[in-house]
Amino acid sequence: MNMRTIDLGLIHFFRKYWIPVARFGIFVVFFWFGILKVLGYSPAEPLVEQLFSATISFMSFSSFILFFGLFEVLIGILFLIKGAERIVMPLLLIHMITTFGPLVFLPEASWSSFMVPTLTGQYIIKNLVIIAAAMGIAAQLHPIRK
């Protein structure tokens, strides 16, 4: 077996399985992190509460964190369902806007100095990978027929 054969085999494998793996990976992250919020075990809860206090005042935090956790669980589940892409992508956009909020509204929690993120900032910035995977999934959709 030569390098070209191995290379072609790997490329074929990745092309065949990257979408299911991306869907499952996004599901795991959203479902797991969401269910932790619902159950009250999320290590991100203090950060979410800080952002909530800085931006939202029309509902209680306990209601918000439950809703936000269920919202994440829903996003995770929808990524597993082929055909739900056009539903989940706008939900993901809304979620990502809120997720990136601390970079702007809570700079002391997100940045240790200019362009040097804290661990929290790194946790937030890694969501760019989720966005890229979701875009790749969406890029495989067939256009809506007229």
N, C-alpha and C. Protein backbone atom coordinates (compact mmCIF):
# COMPACT_ATOMS: atom_id res chain seq x y z
N MET A 1 0.85 -1.17 0.00
CA MET A 1 0.00 0.00 0.00
C MET A 1 0.90 1.24 0.00
N ASN A 2 0.69 2.13 -0.96
CA ASN A 2 1.54 3.32 -1.04
C ASN A 2 0.83 4.54 -0.42
N MET A 3 1.56 5.63 -0.30
CA MET A 3 1.04 6.84 0.34
C MET A 3 -0.17 7.40 -0.40
N ARG A 4 -0.16 7.33 -1.72
CA ARG A 4 -1.30 7.86 -2.49
C ARG A 4 -2.58 7.08 -2.18
N THR A 5 -2.47 5.77 -2.07
CA THR A 5 -3.63 4.95 -1.76
C THR A 5 -4.17 5.28 -0.37
N ILE A 6 -3.26 5.44 0.59
CA ILE A 6 -3.66 5.82 1.94
C ILE A 6 -4.32 7.19 1.93
N ASP A 7 -3.70 8.13 1.21
CA ASP A 7 -4.23 9.49 1.12
C ASP A 7 -5.63 9.49 0.52
N LEU A 8 -5.82 8.79 -0.58
CA LEU A 8 -7.13 8.72 -1.23
C LEU A 8 -8.16 8.05 -0.31
N GLY A 9 -7.74 7.02 0.40
CA GLY A 9 -8.64 6.35 1.33
C GLY A 9 -9.09 7.27 2.45
N LEU A 10 -8.15 8.02 3.00
CA LEU A 10 -8.50 8.96 4.07
C LEU A 10 -9.41 10.07 3.55
N ILE A 11 -9.09 10.61 2.40
CA ILE A 11 -9.93 11.66 1.82
C ILE A 11 -11.34 11.13 1.59
N HIS A 12 -11.47 9.95 1.05
CA HIS A 12 -12.78 9.35 0.82
C HIS A 12 -13.53 9.17 2.15
N PHE A 13 -12.84 8.67 3.16
CA PHE A 13 -13.44 8.47 4.48
C PHE A 13 -13.94 9.80 5.05
N PHE A 14 -13.09 10.83 5.01
CA PHE A 14 -13.47 12.13 5.57
C PHE A 14 -14.63 12.75 4.80
N ARG A 15 -14.62 12.65 3.49
CA ARG A 15 -15.73 13.19 2.69
C ARG A 15 -17.04 12.48 3.01
N LYS A 16 -16.96 11.20 3.26
CA LYS A 16 -18.17 10.42 3.53
C LYS A 16 -18.73 10.69 4.93
N TYR A 17 -17.87 10.90 5.91
CA TYR A 17 -18.32 10.95 7.30
C TYR A 17 -18.22 12.31 7.99
N TRP A 18 -17.70 13.35 7.33
CA TRP A 18 -17.51 14.60 8.04
C TRP A 18 -18.82 15.22 8.48
N ILE A 19 -19.87 15.14 7.68
CA ILE A 19 -21.13 15.76 8.08
C ILE A 19 -21.74 15.05 9.28
N PRO A 20 -21.87 13.72 9.28
CA PRO A 20 -22.41 13.08 10.49
C PRO A 20 -21.55 13.34 11.74
N VAL A 21 -20.24 13.37 11.58
CA VAL A 21 -19.37 13.63 12.73
C VAL A 21 -19.55 15.07 13.21
N ALA A 22 -19.64 16.02 12.29
CA ALA A 22 -19.87 17.42 12.66
C ALA A 22 -21.21 17.58 13.36
N ARG A 23 -22.25 16.96 12.81
CA ARG A 23 -23.58 17.02 13.43
C ARG A 23 -23.54 16.45 14.84
N PHE A 24 -22.91 15.30 15.00
CA PHE A 24 -22.85 14.66 16.31
C PHE A 24 -22.03 15.51 17.29
N GLY A 25 -20.92 16.05 16.82
CA GLY A 25 -20.09 16.90 17.69
C GLY A 25 -20.84 18.13 18.17
N ILE A 26 -21.55 18.79 17.28
CA ILE A 26 -22.34 19.96 17.67
C ILE A 26 -23.46 19.54 18.62
N PHE A 27 -24.10 18.42 18.32
CA PHE A 27 -25.14 17.90 19.22
C PHE A 27 -24.59 17.70 20.62
N VAL A 28 -23.46 17.02 20.75
CA VAL A 28 -22.89 16.73 22.06
C VAL A 28 -22.65 18.01 22.84
N VAL A 29 -22.00 18.99 22.20
CA VAL A 29 -21.68 20.24 22.89
C VAL A 29 -22.96 20.95 23.35
N PHE A 30 -23.91 21.11 22.45
CA PHE A 30 -25.12 21.86 22.81
C PHE A 30 -26.01 21.10 23.78
N PHE A 31 -26.20 19.83 23.56
CA PHE A 31 -27.06 19.05 24.45
C PHE A 31 -26.45 18.98 25.84
N TRP A 32 -25.18 18.64 25.91
CA TRP A 32 -24.50 18.47 27.19
C TRP A 32 -24.46 19.78 27.98
N PHE A 33 -24.01 20.86 27.33
CA PHE A 33 -23.91 22.13 28.03
C PHE A 33 -25.30 22.65 28.40
N GLY A 34 -26.28 22.42 27.52
CA GLY A 34 -27.64 22.86 27.80
C GLY A 34 -28.26 22.11 28.97
N ILE A 35 -28.09 20.79 28.99
CA ILE A 35 -28.70 20.01 30.06
C ILE A 35 -28.04 20.33 31.40
N LEU A 36 -26.75 20.66 31.40
CA LEU A 36 -26.10 21.10 32.64
C LEU A 36 -26.75 22.37 33.17
N LYS A 37 -27.11 23.29 32.28
CA LYS A 37 -27.80 24.51 32.71
C LYS A 37 -29.18 24.18 33.28
N VAL A 38 -29.91 23.33 32.61
CA VAL A 38 -31.25 22.95 33.06
C VAL A 38 -31.19 22.31 34.45
N LEU A 39 -30.19 21.49 34.69
CA LEU A 39 -30.07 20.76 35.96
C LEU A 39 -29.37 21.58 37.05
N GLY A 40 -28.85 22.76 36.69
CA GLY A 40 -28.19 23.61 37.67
C GLY A 40 -26.76 23.25 37.96
N TYR A 41 -26.09 22.56 37.04
CA TYR A 41 -24.70 22.15 37.24
C TYR A 41 -23.70 22.82 36.29
N SER A 42 -24.12 23.82 35.57
CA SER A 42 -23.25 24.42 34.56
C SER A 42 -22.16 25.28 35.19
N PRO A 43 -20.90 24.99 34.86
CA PRO A 43 -19.82 25.86 35.35
C PRO A 43 -19.85 27.24 34.67
N ALA A 44 -20.62 27.37 33.60
CA ALA A 44 -20.74 28.66 32.92
C ALA A 44 -21.82 29.55 33.53
N GLU A 45 -22.57 29.03 34.48
CA GLU A 45 -23.70 29.78 35.04
C GLU A 45 -23.30 31.15 35.61
N PRO A 46 -22.20 31.26 36.36
CA PRO A 46 -21.83 32.60 36.86
C PRO A 46 -21.57 33.60 35.72
N LEU A 47 -20.94 33.15 34.65
CA LEU A 47 -20.70 34.04 33.51
C LEU A 47 -22.01 34.43 32.84
N VAL A 48 -22.89 33.45 32.66
CA VAL A 48 -24.20 33.72 32.06
C VAL A 48 -24.96 34.70 32.93
N GLU A 49 -24.87 34.53 34.24
CA GLU A 49 -25.58 35.44 35.15
C GLU A 49 -25.00 36.86 35.08
N GLN A 50 -23.69 36.97 34.97
CA GLN A 50 -23.07 38.29 34.81
C GLN A 50 -23.55 38.97 33.53
N LEU A 51 -23.56 38.22 32.43
CA LEU A 51 -24.02 38.77 31.16
C LEU A 51 -25.50 39.13 31.24
N PHE A 52 -26.28 38.27 31.86
CA PHE A 52 -27.71 38.51 32.05
C PHE A 52 -27.92 39.83 32.81
N SER A 53 -27.18 40.00 33.90
CA SER A 53 -27.31 41.22 34.71
C SER A 53 -26.92 42.47 33.93
N ALA A 54 -25.97 42.33 33.02
CA ALA A 54 -25.51 43.48 32.24
C ALA A 54 -26.41 43.81 31.06
N THR A 55 -27.28 42.87 30.65
CA THR A 55 -28.02 43.08 29.40
C THR A 55 -29.53 42.88 29.49
N ILE A 56 -30.00 41.98 30.32
CA ILE A 56 -31.43 41.62 30.31
C ILE A 56 -32.05 41.94 31.67
N SER A 57 -33.22 42.55 31.65
CA SER A 57 -33.86 42.86 32.93
C SER A 57 -35.36 42.55 32.93
N PHE A 58 -35.87 41.90 31.90
CA PHE A 58 -37.30 41.68 31.79
C PHE A 58 -37.78 40.33 32.31
N MET A 59 -36.88 39.49 32.83
CA MET A 59 -37.28 38.19 33.40
C MET A 59 -36.30 37.81 34.48
N SER A 60 -36.66 36.84 35.29
CA SER A 60 -35.77 36.38 36.35
C SER A 60 -34.64 35.54 35.75
N PHE A 61 -33.50 35.53 36.44
CA PHE A 61 -32.38 34.74 35.95
C PHE A 61 -32.71 33.26 35.98
N SER A 62 -33.41 32.80 37.00
CA SER A 62 -33.74 31.37 37.08
C SER A 62 -34.59 30.93 35.88
N SER A 63 -35.51 31.78 35.44
CA SER A 63 -36.30 31.48 34.25
C SER A 63 -35.42 31.51 33.00
N PHE A 64 -34.56 32.52 32.94
CA PHE A 64 -33.70 32.67 31.76
C PHE A 64 -32.77 31.47 31.60
N ILE A 65 -32.10 31.06 32.67
CA ILE A 65 -31.11 29.98 32.55
C ILE A 65 -31.79 28.68 32.16
N LEU A 66 -33.00 28.45 32.65
CA LEU A 66 -33.76 27.27 32.25
C LEU A 66 -34.10 27.35 30.76
N PHE A 67 -34.62 28.50 30.32
CA PHE A 67 -34.94 28.69 28.91
C PHE A 67 -33.69 28.55 28.04
N PHE A 68 -32.60 29.17 28.46
CA PHE A 68 -31.36 29.14 27.68
C PHE A 68 -30.83 27.71 27.56
N GLY A 69 -30.88 26.97 28.67
CA GLY A 69 -30.45 25.57 28.64
C GLY A 69 -31.31 24.73 27.70
N LEU A 70 -32.62 24.91 27.77
CA LEU A 70 -33.52 24.17 26.88
C LEU A 70 -33.31 24.58 25.43
N PHE A 71 -33.01 25.85 25.20
CA PHE A 71 -32.70 26.35 23.87
C PHE A 71 -31.46 25.64 23.31
N GLU A 72 -30.44 25.48 24.15
CA GLU A 72 -29.23 24.77 23.72
C GLU A 72 -29.52 23.30 23.44
N VAL A 73 -30.32 22.67 24.29
CA VAL A 73 -30.69 21.27 24.07
C VAL A 73 -31.42 21.14 22.73
N LEU A 74 -32.34 22.05 22.46
CA LEU A 74 -33.07 22.03 21.19
C LEU A 74 -32.13 22.17 20.00
N ILE A 75 -31.19 23.10 20.07
CA ILE A 75 -30.22 23.27 18.99
C ILE A 75 -29.45 21.97 18.78
N GLY A 76 -29.00 21.36 19.86
CA GLY A 76 -28.27 20.10 19.74
C GLY A 76 -29.08 19.03 19.05
N ILE A 77 -30.32 18.86 19.48
CA ILE A 77 -31.18 17.83 18.89
C ILE A 77 -31.44 18.12 17.42
N LEU A 78 -31.71 19.38 17.09
CA LEU A 78 -31.99 19.72 15.69
C LEU A 78 -30.80 19.45 14.77
N PHE A 79 -29.58 19.56 15.29
CA PHE A 79 -28.42 19.25 14.46
C PHE A 79 -28.35 17.77 14.10
N LEU A 80 -29.00 16.92 14.86
CA LEU A 80 -29.02 15.49 14.54
C LEU A 80 -30.04 15.15 13.45
N ILE A 81 -30.97 16.04 13.22
CA ILE A 81 -32.09 15.75 12.32
C ILE A 81 -31.81 16.30 10.93
N LYS A 82 -31.59 15.38 10.00
CA LYS A 82 -31.39 15.80 8.61
C LYS A 82 -32.69 16.43 8.12
N GLY A 83 -32.60 17.59 7.53
CA GLY A 83 -33.76 18.33 7.07
C GLY A 83 -34.12 19.48 8.00
N ALA A 84 -33.52 19.53 9.19
CA ALA A 84 -33.81 20.61 10.14
C ALA A 84 -32.81 21.76 10.05
N GLU A 85 -31.93 21.70 9.06
CA GLU A 85 -30.87 22.70 8.97
C GLU A 85 -31.40 24.13 8.85
N ARG A 86 -32.45 24.31 8.08
CA ARG A 86 -32.98 25.66 7.87
C ARG A 86 -33.69 26.19 9.12
N ILE A 87 -34.03 25.31 10.02
CA ILE A 87 -34.60 25.72 11.30
C ILE A 87 -33.49 26.03 12.30
N VAL A 88 -32.49 25.16 12.36
CA VAL A 88 -31.47 25.28 13.39
C VAL A 88 -30.45 26.40 13.10
N MET A 89 -30.21 26.71 11.86
CA MET A 89 -29.19 27.74 11.57
C MET A 89 -29.56 29.11 12.14
N PRO A 90 -30.80 29.58 11.99
CA PRO A 90 -31.13 30.87 12.63
C PRO A 90 -31.06 30.80 14.17
N LEU A 91 -31.43 29.64 14.73
CA LEU A 91 -31.32 29.47 16.18
C LEU A 91 -29.86 29.53 16.62
N LEU A 92 -29.00 28.90 15.85
CA LEU A 92 -27.57 28.93 16.14
C LEU A 92 -27.04 30.36 16.06
N LEU A 93 -27.49 31.12 15.07
CA LEU A 93 -27.06 32.52 14.94
C LEU A 93 -27.43 33.31 16.20
N ILE A 94 -28.66 33.16 16.65
CA ILE A 94 -29.11 33.85 17.87
C ILE A 94 -28.24 33.44 19.05
N HIS A 95 -28.00 32.15 19.16
CA HIS A 95 -27.19 31.64 20.27
C HIS A 95 -25.76 32.19 20.21
N MET A 96 -25.18 32.20 19.02
CA MET A 96 -23.80 32.68 18.90
C MET A 96 -23.70 34.17 19.23
N ILE A 97 -24.70 34.95 18.85
CA ILE A 97 -24.68 36.37 19.20
C ILE A 97 -24.64 36.53 20.72
N THR A 98 -25.47 35.76 21.42
CA THR A 98 -25.47 35.86 22.89
C THR A 98 -24.18 35.31 23.48
N THR A 99 -23.67 34.25 22.89
CA THR A 99 -22.46 33.63 23.41
C THR A 99 -21.24 34.54 23.29
N PHE A 100 -21.17 35.31 22.23
CA PHE A 100 -20.04 36.22 22.07
C PHE A 100 -20.19 37.50 22.89
N GLY A 101 -21.35 37.68 23.52
CA GLY A 101 -21.62 38.87 24.31
C GLY A 101 -20.57 39.20 25.36
N PRO A 102 -20.09 38.23 26.14
CA PRO A 102 -19.10 38.57 27.16
C PRO A 102 -17.81 39.21 26.61
N LEU A 103 -17.46 38.90 25.38
CA LEU A 103 -16.26 39.51 24.81
C LEU A 103 -16.39 41.03 24.76
N VAL A 104 -17.64 41.50 24.64
CA VAL A 104 -17.90 42.94 24.56
C VAL A 104 -18.39 43.49 25.89
N PHE A 105 -19.38 42.82 26.49
CA PHE A 105 -20.04 43.34 27.68
C PHE A 105 -19.33 43.00 29.00
N LEU A 106 -18.50 41.99 28.97
CA LEU A 106 -17.76 41.58 30.18
C LEU A 106 -16.27 41.43 29.86
N PRO A 107 -15.64 42.51 29.43
CA PRO A 107 -14.23 42.39 29.02
C PRO A 107 -13.31 41.90 30.14
N GLU A 108 -13.63 42.23 31.39
CA GLU A 108 -12.78 41.79 32.50
C GLU A 108 -12.79 40.28 32.67
N ALA A 109 -13.87 39.63 32.25
CA ALA A 109 -13.96 38.17 32.33
C ALA A 109 -13.39 37.49 31.09
N SER A 110 -13.28 38.25 30.00
CA SER A 110 -12.91 37.66 28.71
C SER A 110 -11.47 37.93 28.27
N TRP A 111 -10.89 39.00 28.75
CA TRP A 111 -9.57 39.41 28.27
C TRP A 111 -8.64 39.70 29.45
N SER A 112 -7.43 39.16 29.40
CA SER A 112 -6.45 39.50 30.43
C SER A 112 -5.66 40.74 30.02
N SER A 113 -5.52 40.95 28.71
CA SER A 113 -4.96 42.19 28.15
C SER A 113 -5.36 42.21 26.67
N PHE A 114 -4.94 43.23 25.96
CA PHE A 114 -5.34 43.39 24.57
C PHE A 114 -5.00 42.14 23.75
N MET A 115 -6.04 41.53 23.17
CA MET A 115 -5.92 40.35 22.31
C MET A 115 -5.38 39.11 23.03
N VAL A 116 -5.43 39.11 24.35
CA VAL A 116 -5.02 37.95 25.14
C VAL A 116 -6.25 37.49 25.94
N PRO A 117 -6.94 36.47 25.42
CA PRO A 117 -8.15 36.04 26.11
C PRO A 117 -7.85 35.27 27.39
N THR A 118 -8.75 35.41 28.34
CA THR A 118 -8.71 34.57 29.53
C THR A 118 -9.18 33.17 29.12
N LEU A 119 -9.21 32.26 30.06
CA LEU A 119 -9.75 30.93 29.77
C LEU A 119 -11.20 31.05 29.31
N THR A 120 -11.95 31.93 29.94
CA THR A 120 -13.33 32.18 29.52
C THR A 120 -13.38 32.71 28.09
N GLY A 121 -12.51 33.66 27.79
CA GLY A 121 -12.45 34.20 26.43
C GLY A 121 -12.11 33.13 25.41
N GLN A 122 -11.19 32.24 25.75
CA GLN A 122 -10.84 31.15 24.85
C GLN A 122 -12.04 30.22 24.64
N TYR A 123 -12.76 29.96 25.70
CA TYR A 123 -13.95 29.11 25.66
C TYR A 123 -14.98 29.71 24.69
N ILE A 124 -15.10 31.03 24.71
CA ILE A 124 -16.04 31.71 23.82
C ILE A 124 -15.54 31.71 22.38
N ILE A 125 -14.28 32.06 22.19
CA ILE A 125 -13.71 32.17 20.85
C ILE A 125 -13.72 30.84 20.11
N LYS A 126 -13.61 29.72 20.82
CA LYS A 126 -13.63 28.41 20.17
C LYS A 126 -14.95 28.15 19.45
N ASN A 127 -15.96 28.93 19.76
CA ASN A 127 -17.24 28.79 19.06
C ASN A 127 -17.12 29.10 17.57
N LEU A 128 -16.05 29.76 17.17
CA LEU A 128 -15.82 29.96 15.74
C LEU A 128 -15.71 28.62 15.02
N VAL A 129 -15.21 27.60 15.69
CA VAL A 129 -15.12 26.27 15.09
C VAL A 129 -16.52 25.68 14.90
N ILE A 130 -17.40 25.90 15.87
CA ILE A 130 -18.79 25.43 15.74
C ILE A 130 -19.46 26.14 14.56
N ILE A 131 -19.23 27.44 14.45
CA ILE A 131 -19.79 28.20 13.33
C ILE A 131 -19.29 27.65 12.00
N ALA A 132 -18.00 27.37 11.92
CA ALA A 132 -17.43 26.83 10.68
C ALA A 132 -18.04 25.47 10.34
N ALA A 133 -18.17 24.60 11.32
CA ALA A 133 -18.78 23.28 11.07
C ALA A 133 -20.23 23.43 10.63
N ALA A 134 -20.96 24.32 11.28
CA ALA A 134 -22.37 24.54 10.90
C ALA A 134 -22.47 25.10 9.48
N MET A 135 -21.58 26.00 9.14
CA MET A 135 -21.57 26.54 7.77
C MET A 135 -21.28 25.45 6.76
N GLY A 136 -20.36 24.55 7.09
CA GLY A 136 -20.07 23.43 6.20
C GLY A 136 -21.27 22.54 6.00
N ILE A 137 -22.00 22.29 7.07
CA ILE A 137 -23.22 21.49 6.97
C ILE A 137 -24.23 22.21 6.09
N ALA A 138 -24.44 23.50 6.34
CA ALA A 138 -25.41 24.27 5.56
C ALA A 138 -25.00 24.38 4.09
N ALA A 139 -23.72 24.39 3.82
CA ALA A 139 -23.24 24.50 2.43
C ALA A 139 -23.61 23.28 1.60
N GLN A 140 -23.95 22.18 2.26
CA GLN A 140 -24.32 20.96 1.55
C GLN A 140 -25.81 20.90 1.21
N LEU A 141 -26.58 21.89 1.63
CA LEU A 141 -28.02 21.89 1.38
C LEU A 141 -28.29 22.14 -0.11
N HIS A 142 -29.41 21.62 -0.54
CA HIS A 142 -29.88 21.91 -1.89
C HIS A 142 -30.73 23.16 -1.82
N PRO A 143 -30.65 24.04 -2.82
CA PRO A 143 -31.46 25.26 -2.79
C PRO A 143 -32.95 24.93 -2.73
N ILE A 144 -33.70 25.84 -2.12
CA ILE A 144 -35.15 25.69 -2.07
C ILE A 144 -35.68 25.85 -3.48
N ARG A 145 -36.60 24.98 -3.84
CA ARG A 145 -37.20 25.07 -5.17
C ARG A 145 -38.22 26.18 -5.20
N LYS A 146 -38.38 26.76 -6.37
CA LYS A 146 -39.36 27.85 -6.53
C LYS A 146 -40.76 27.32 -6.47
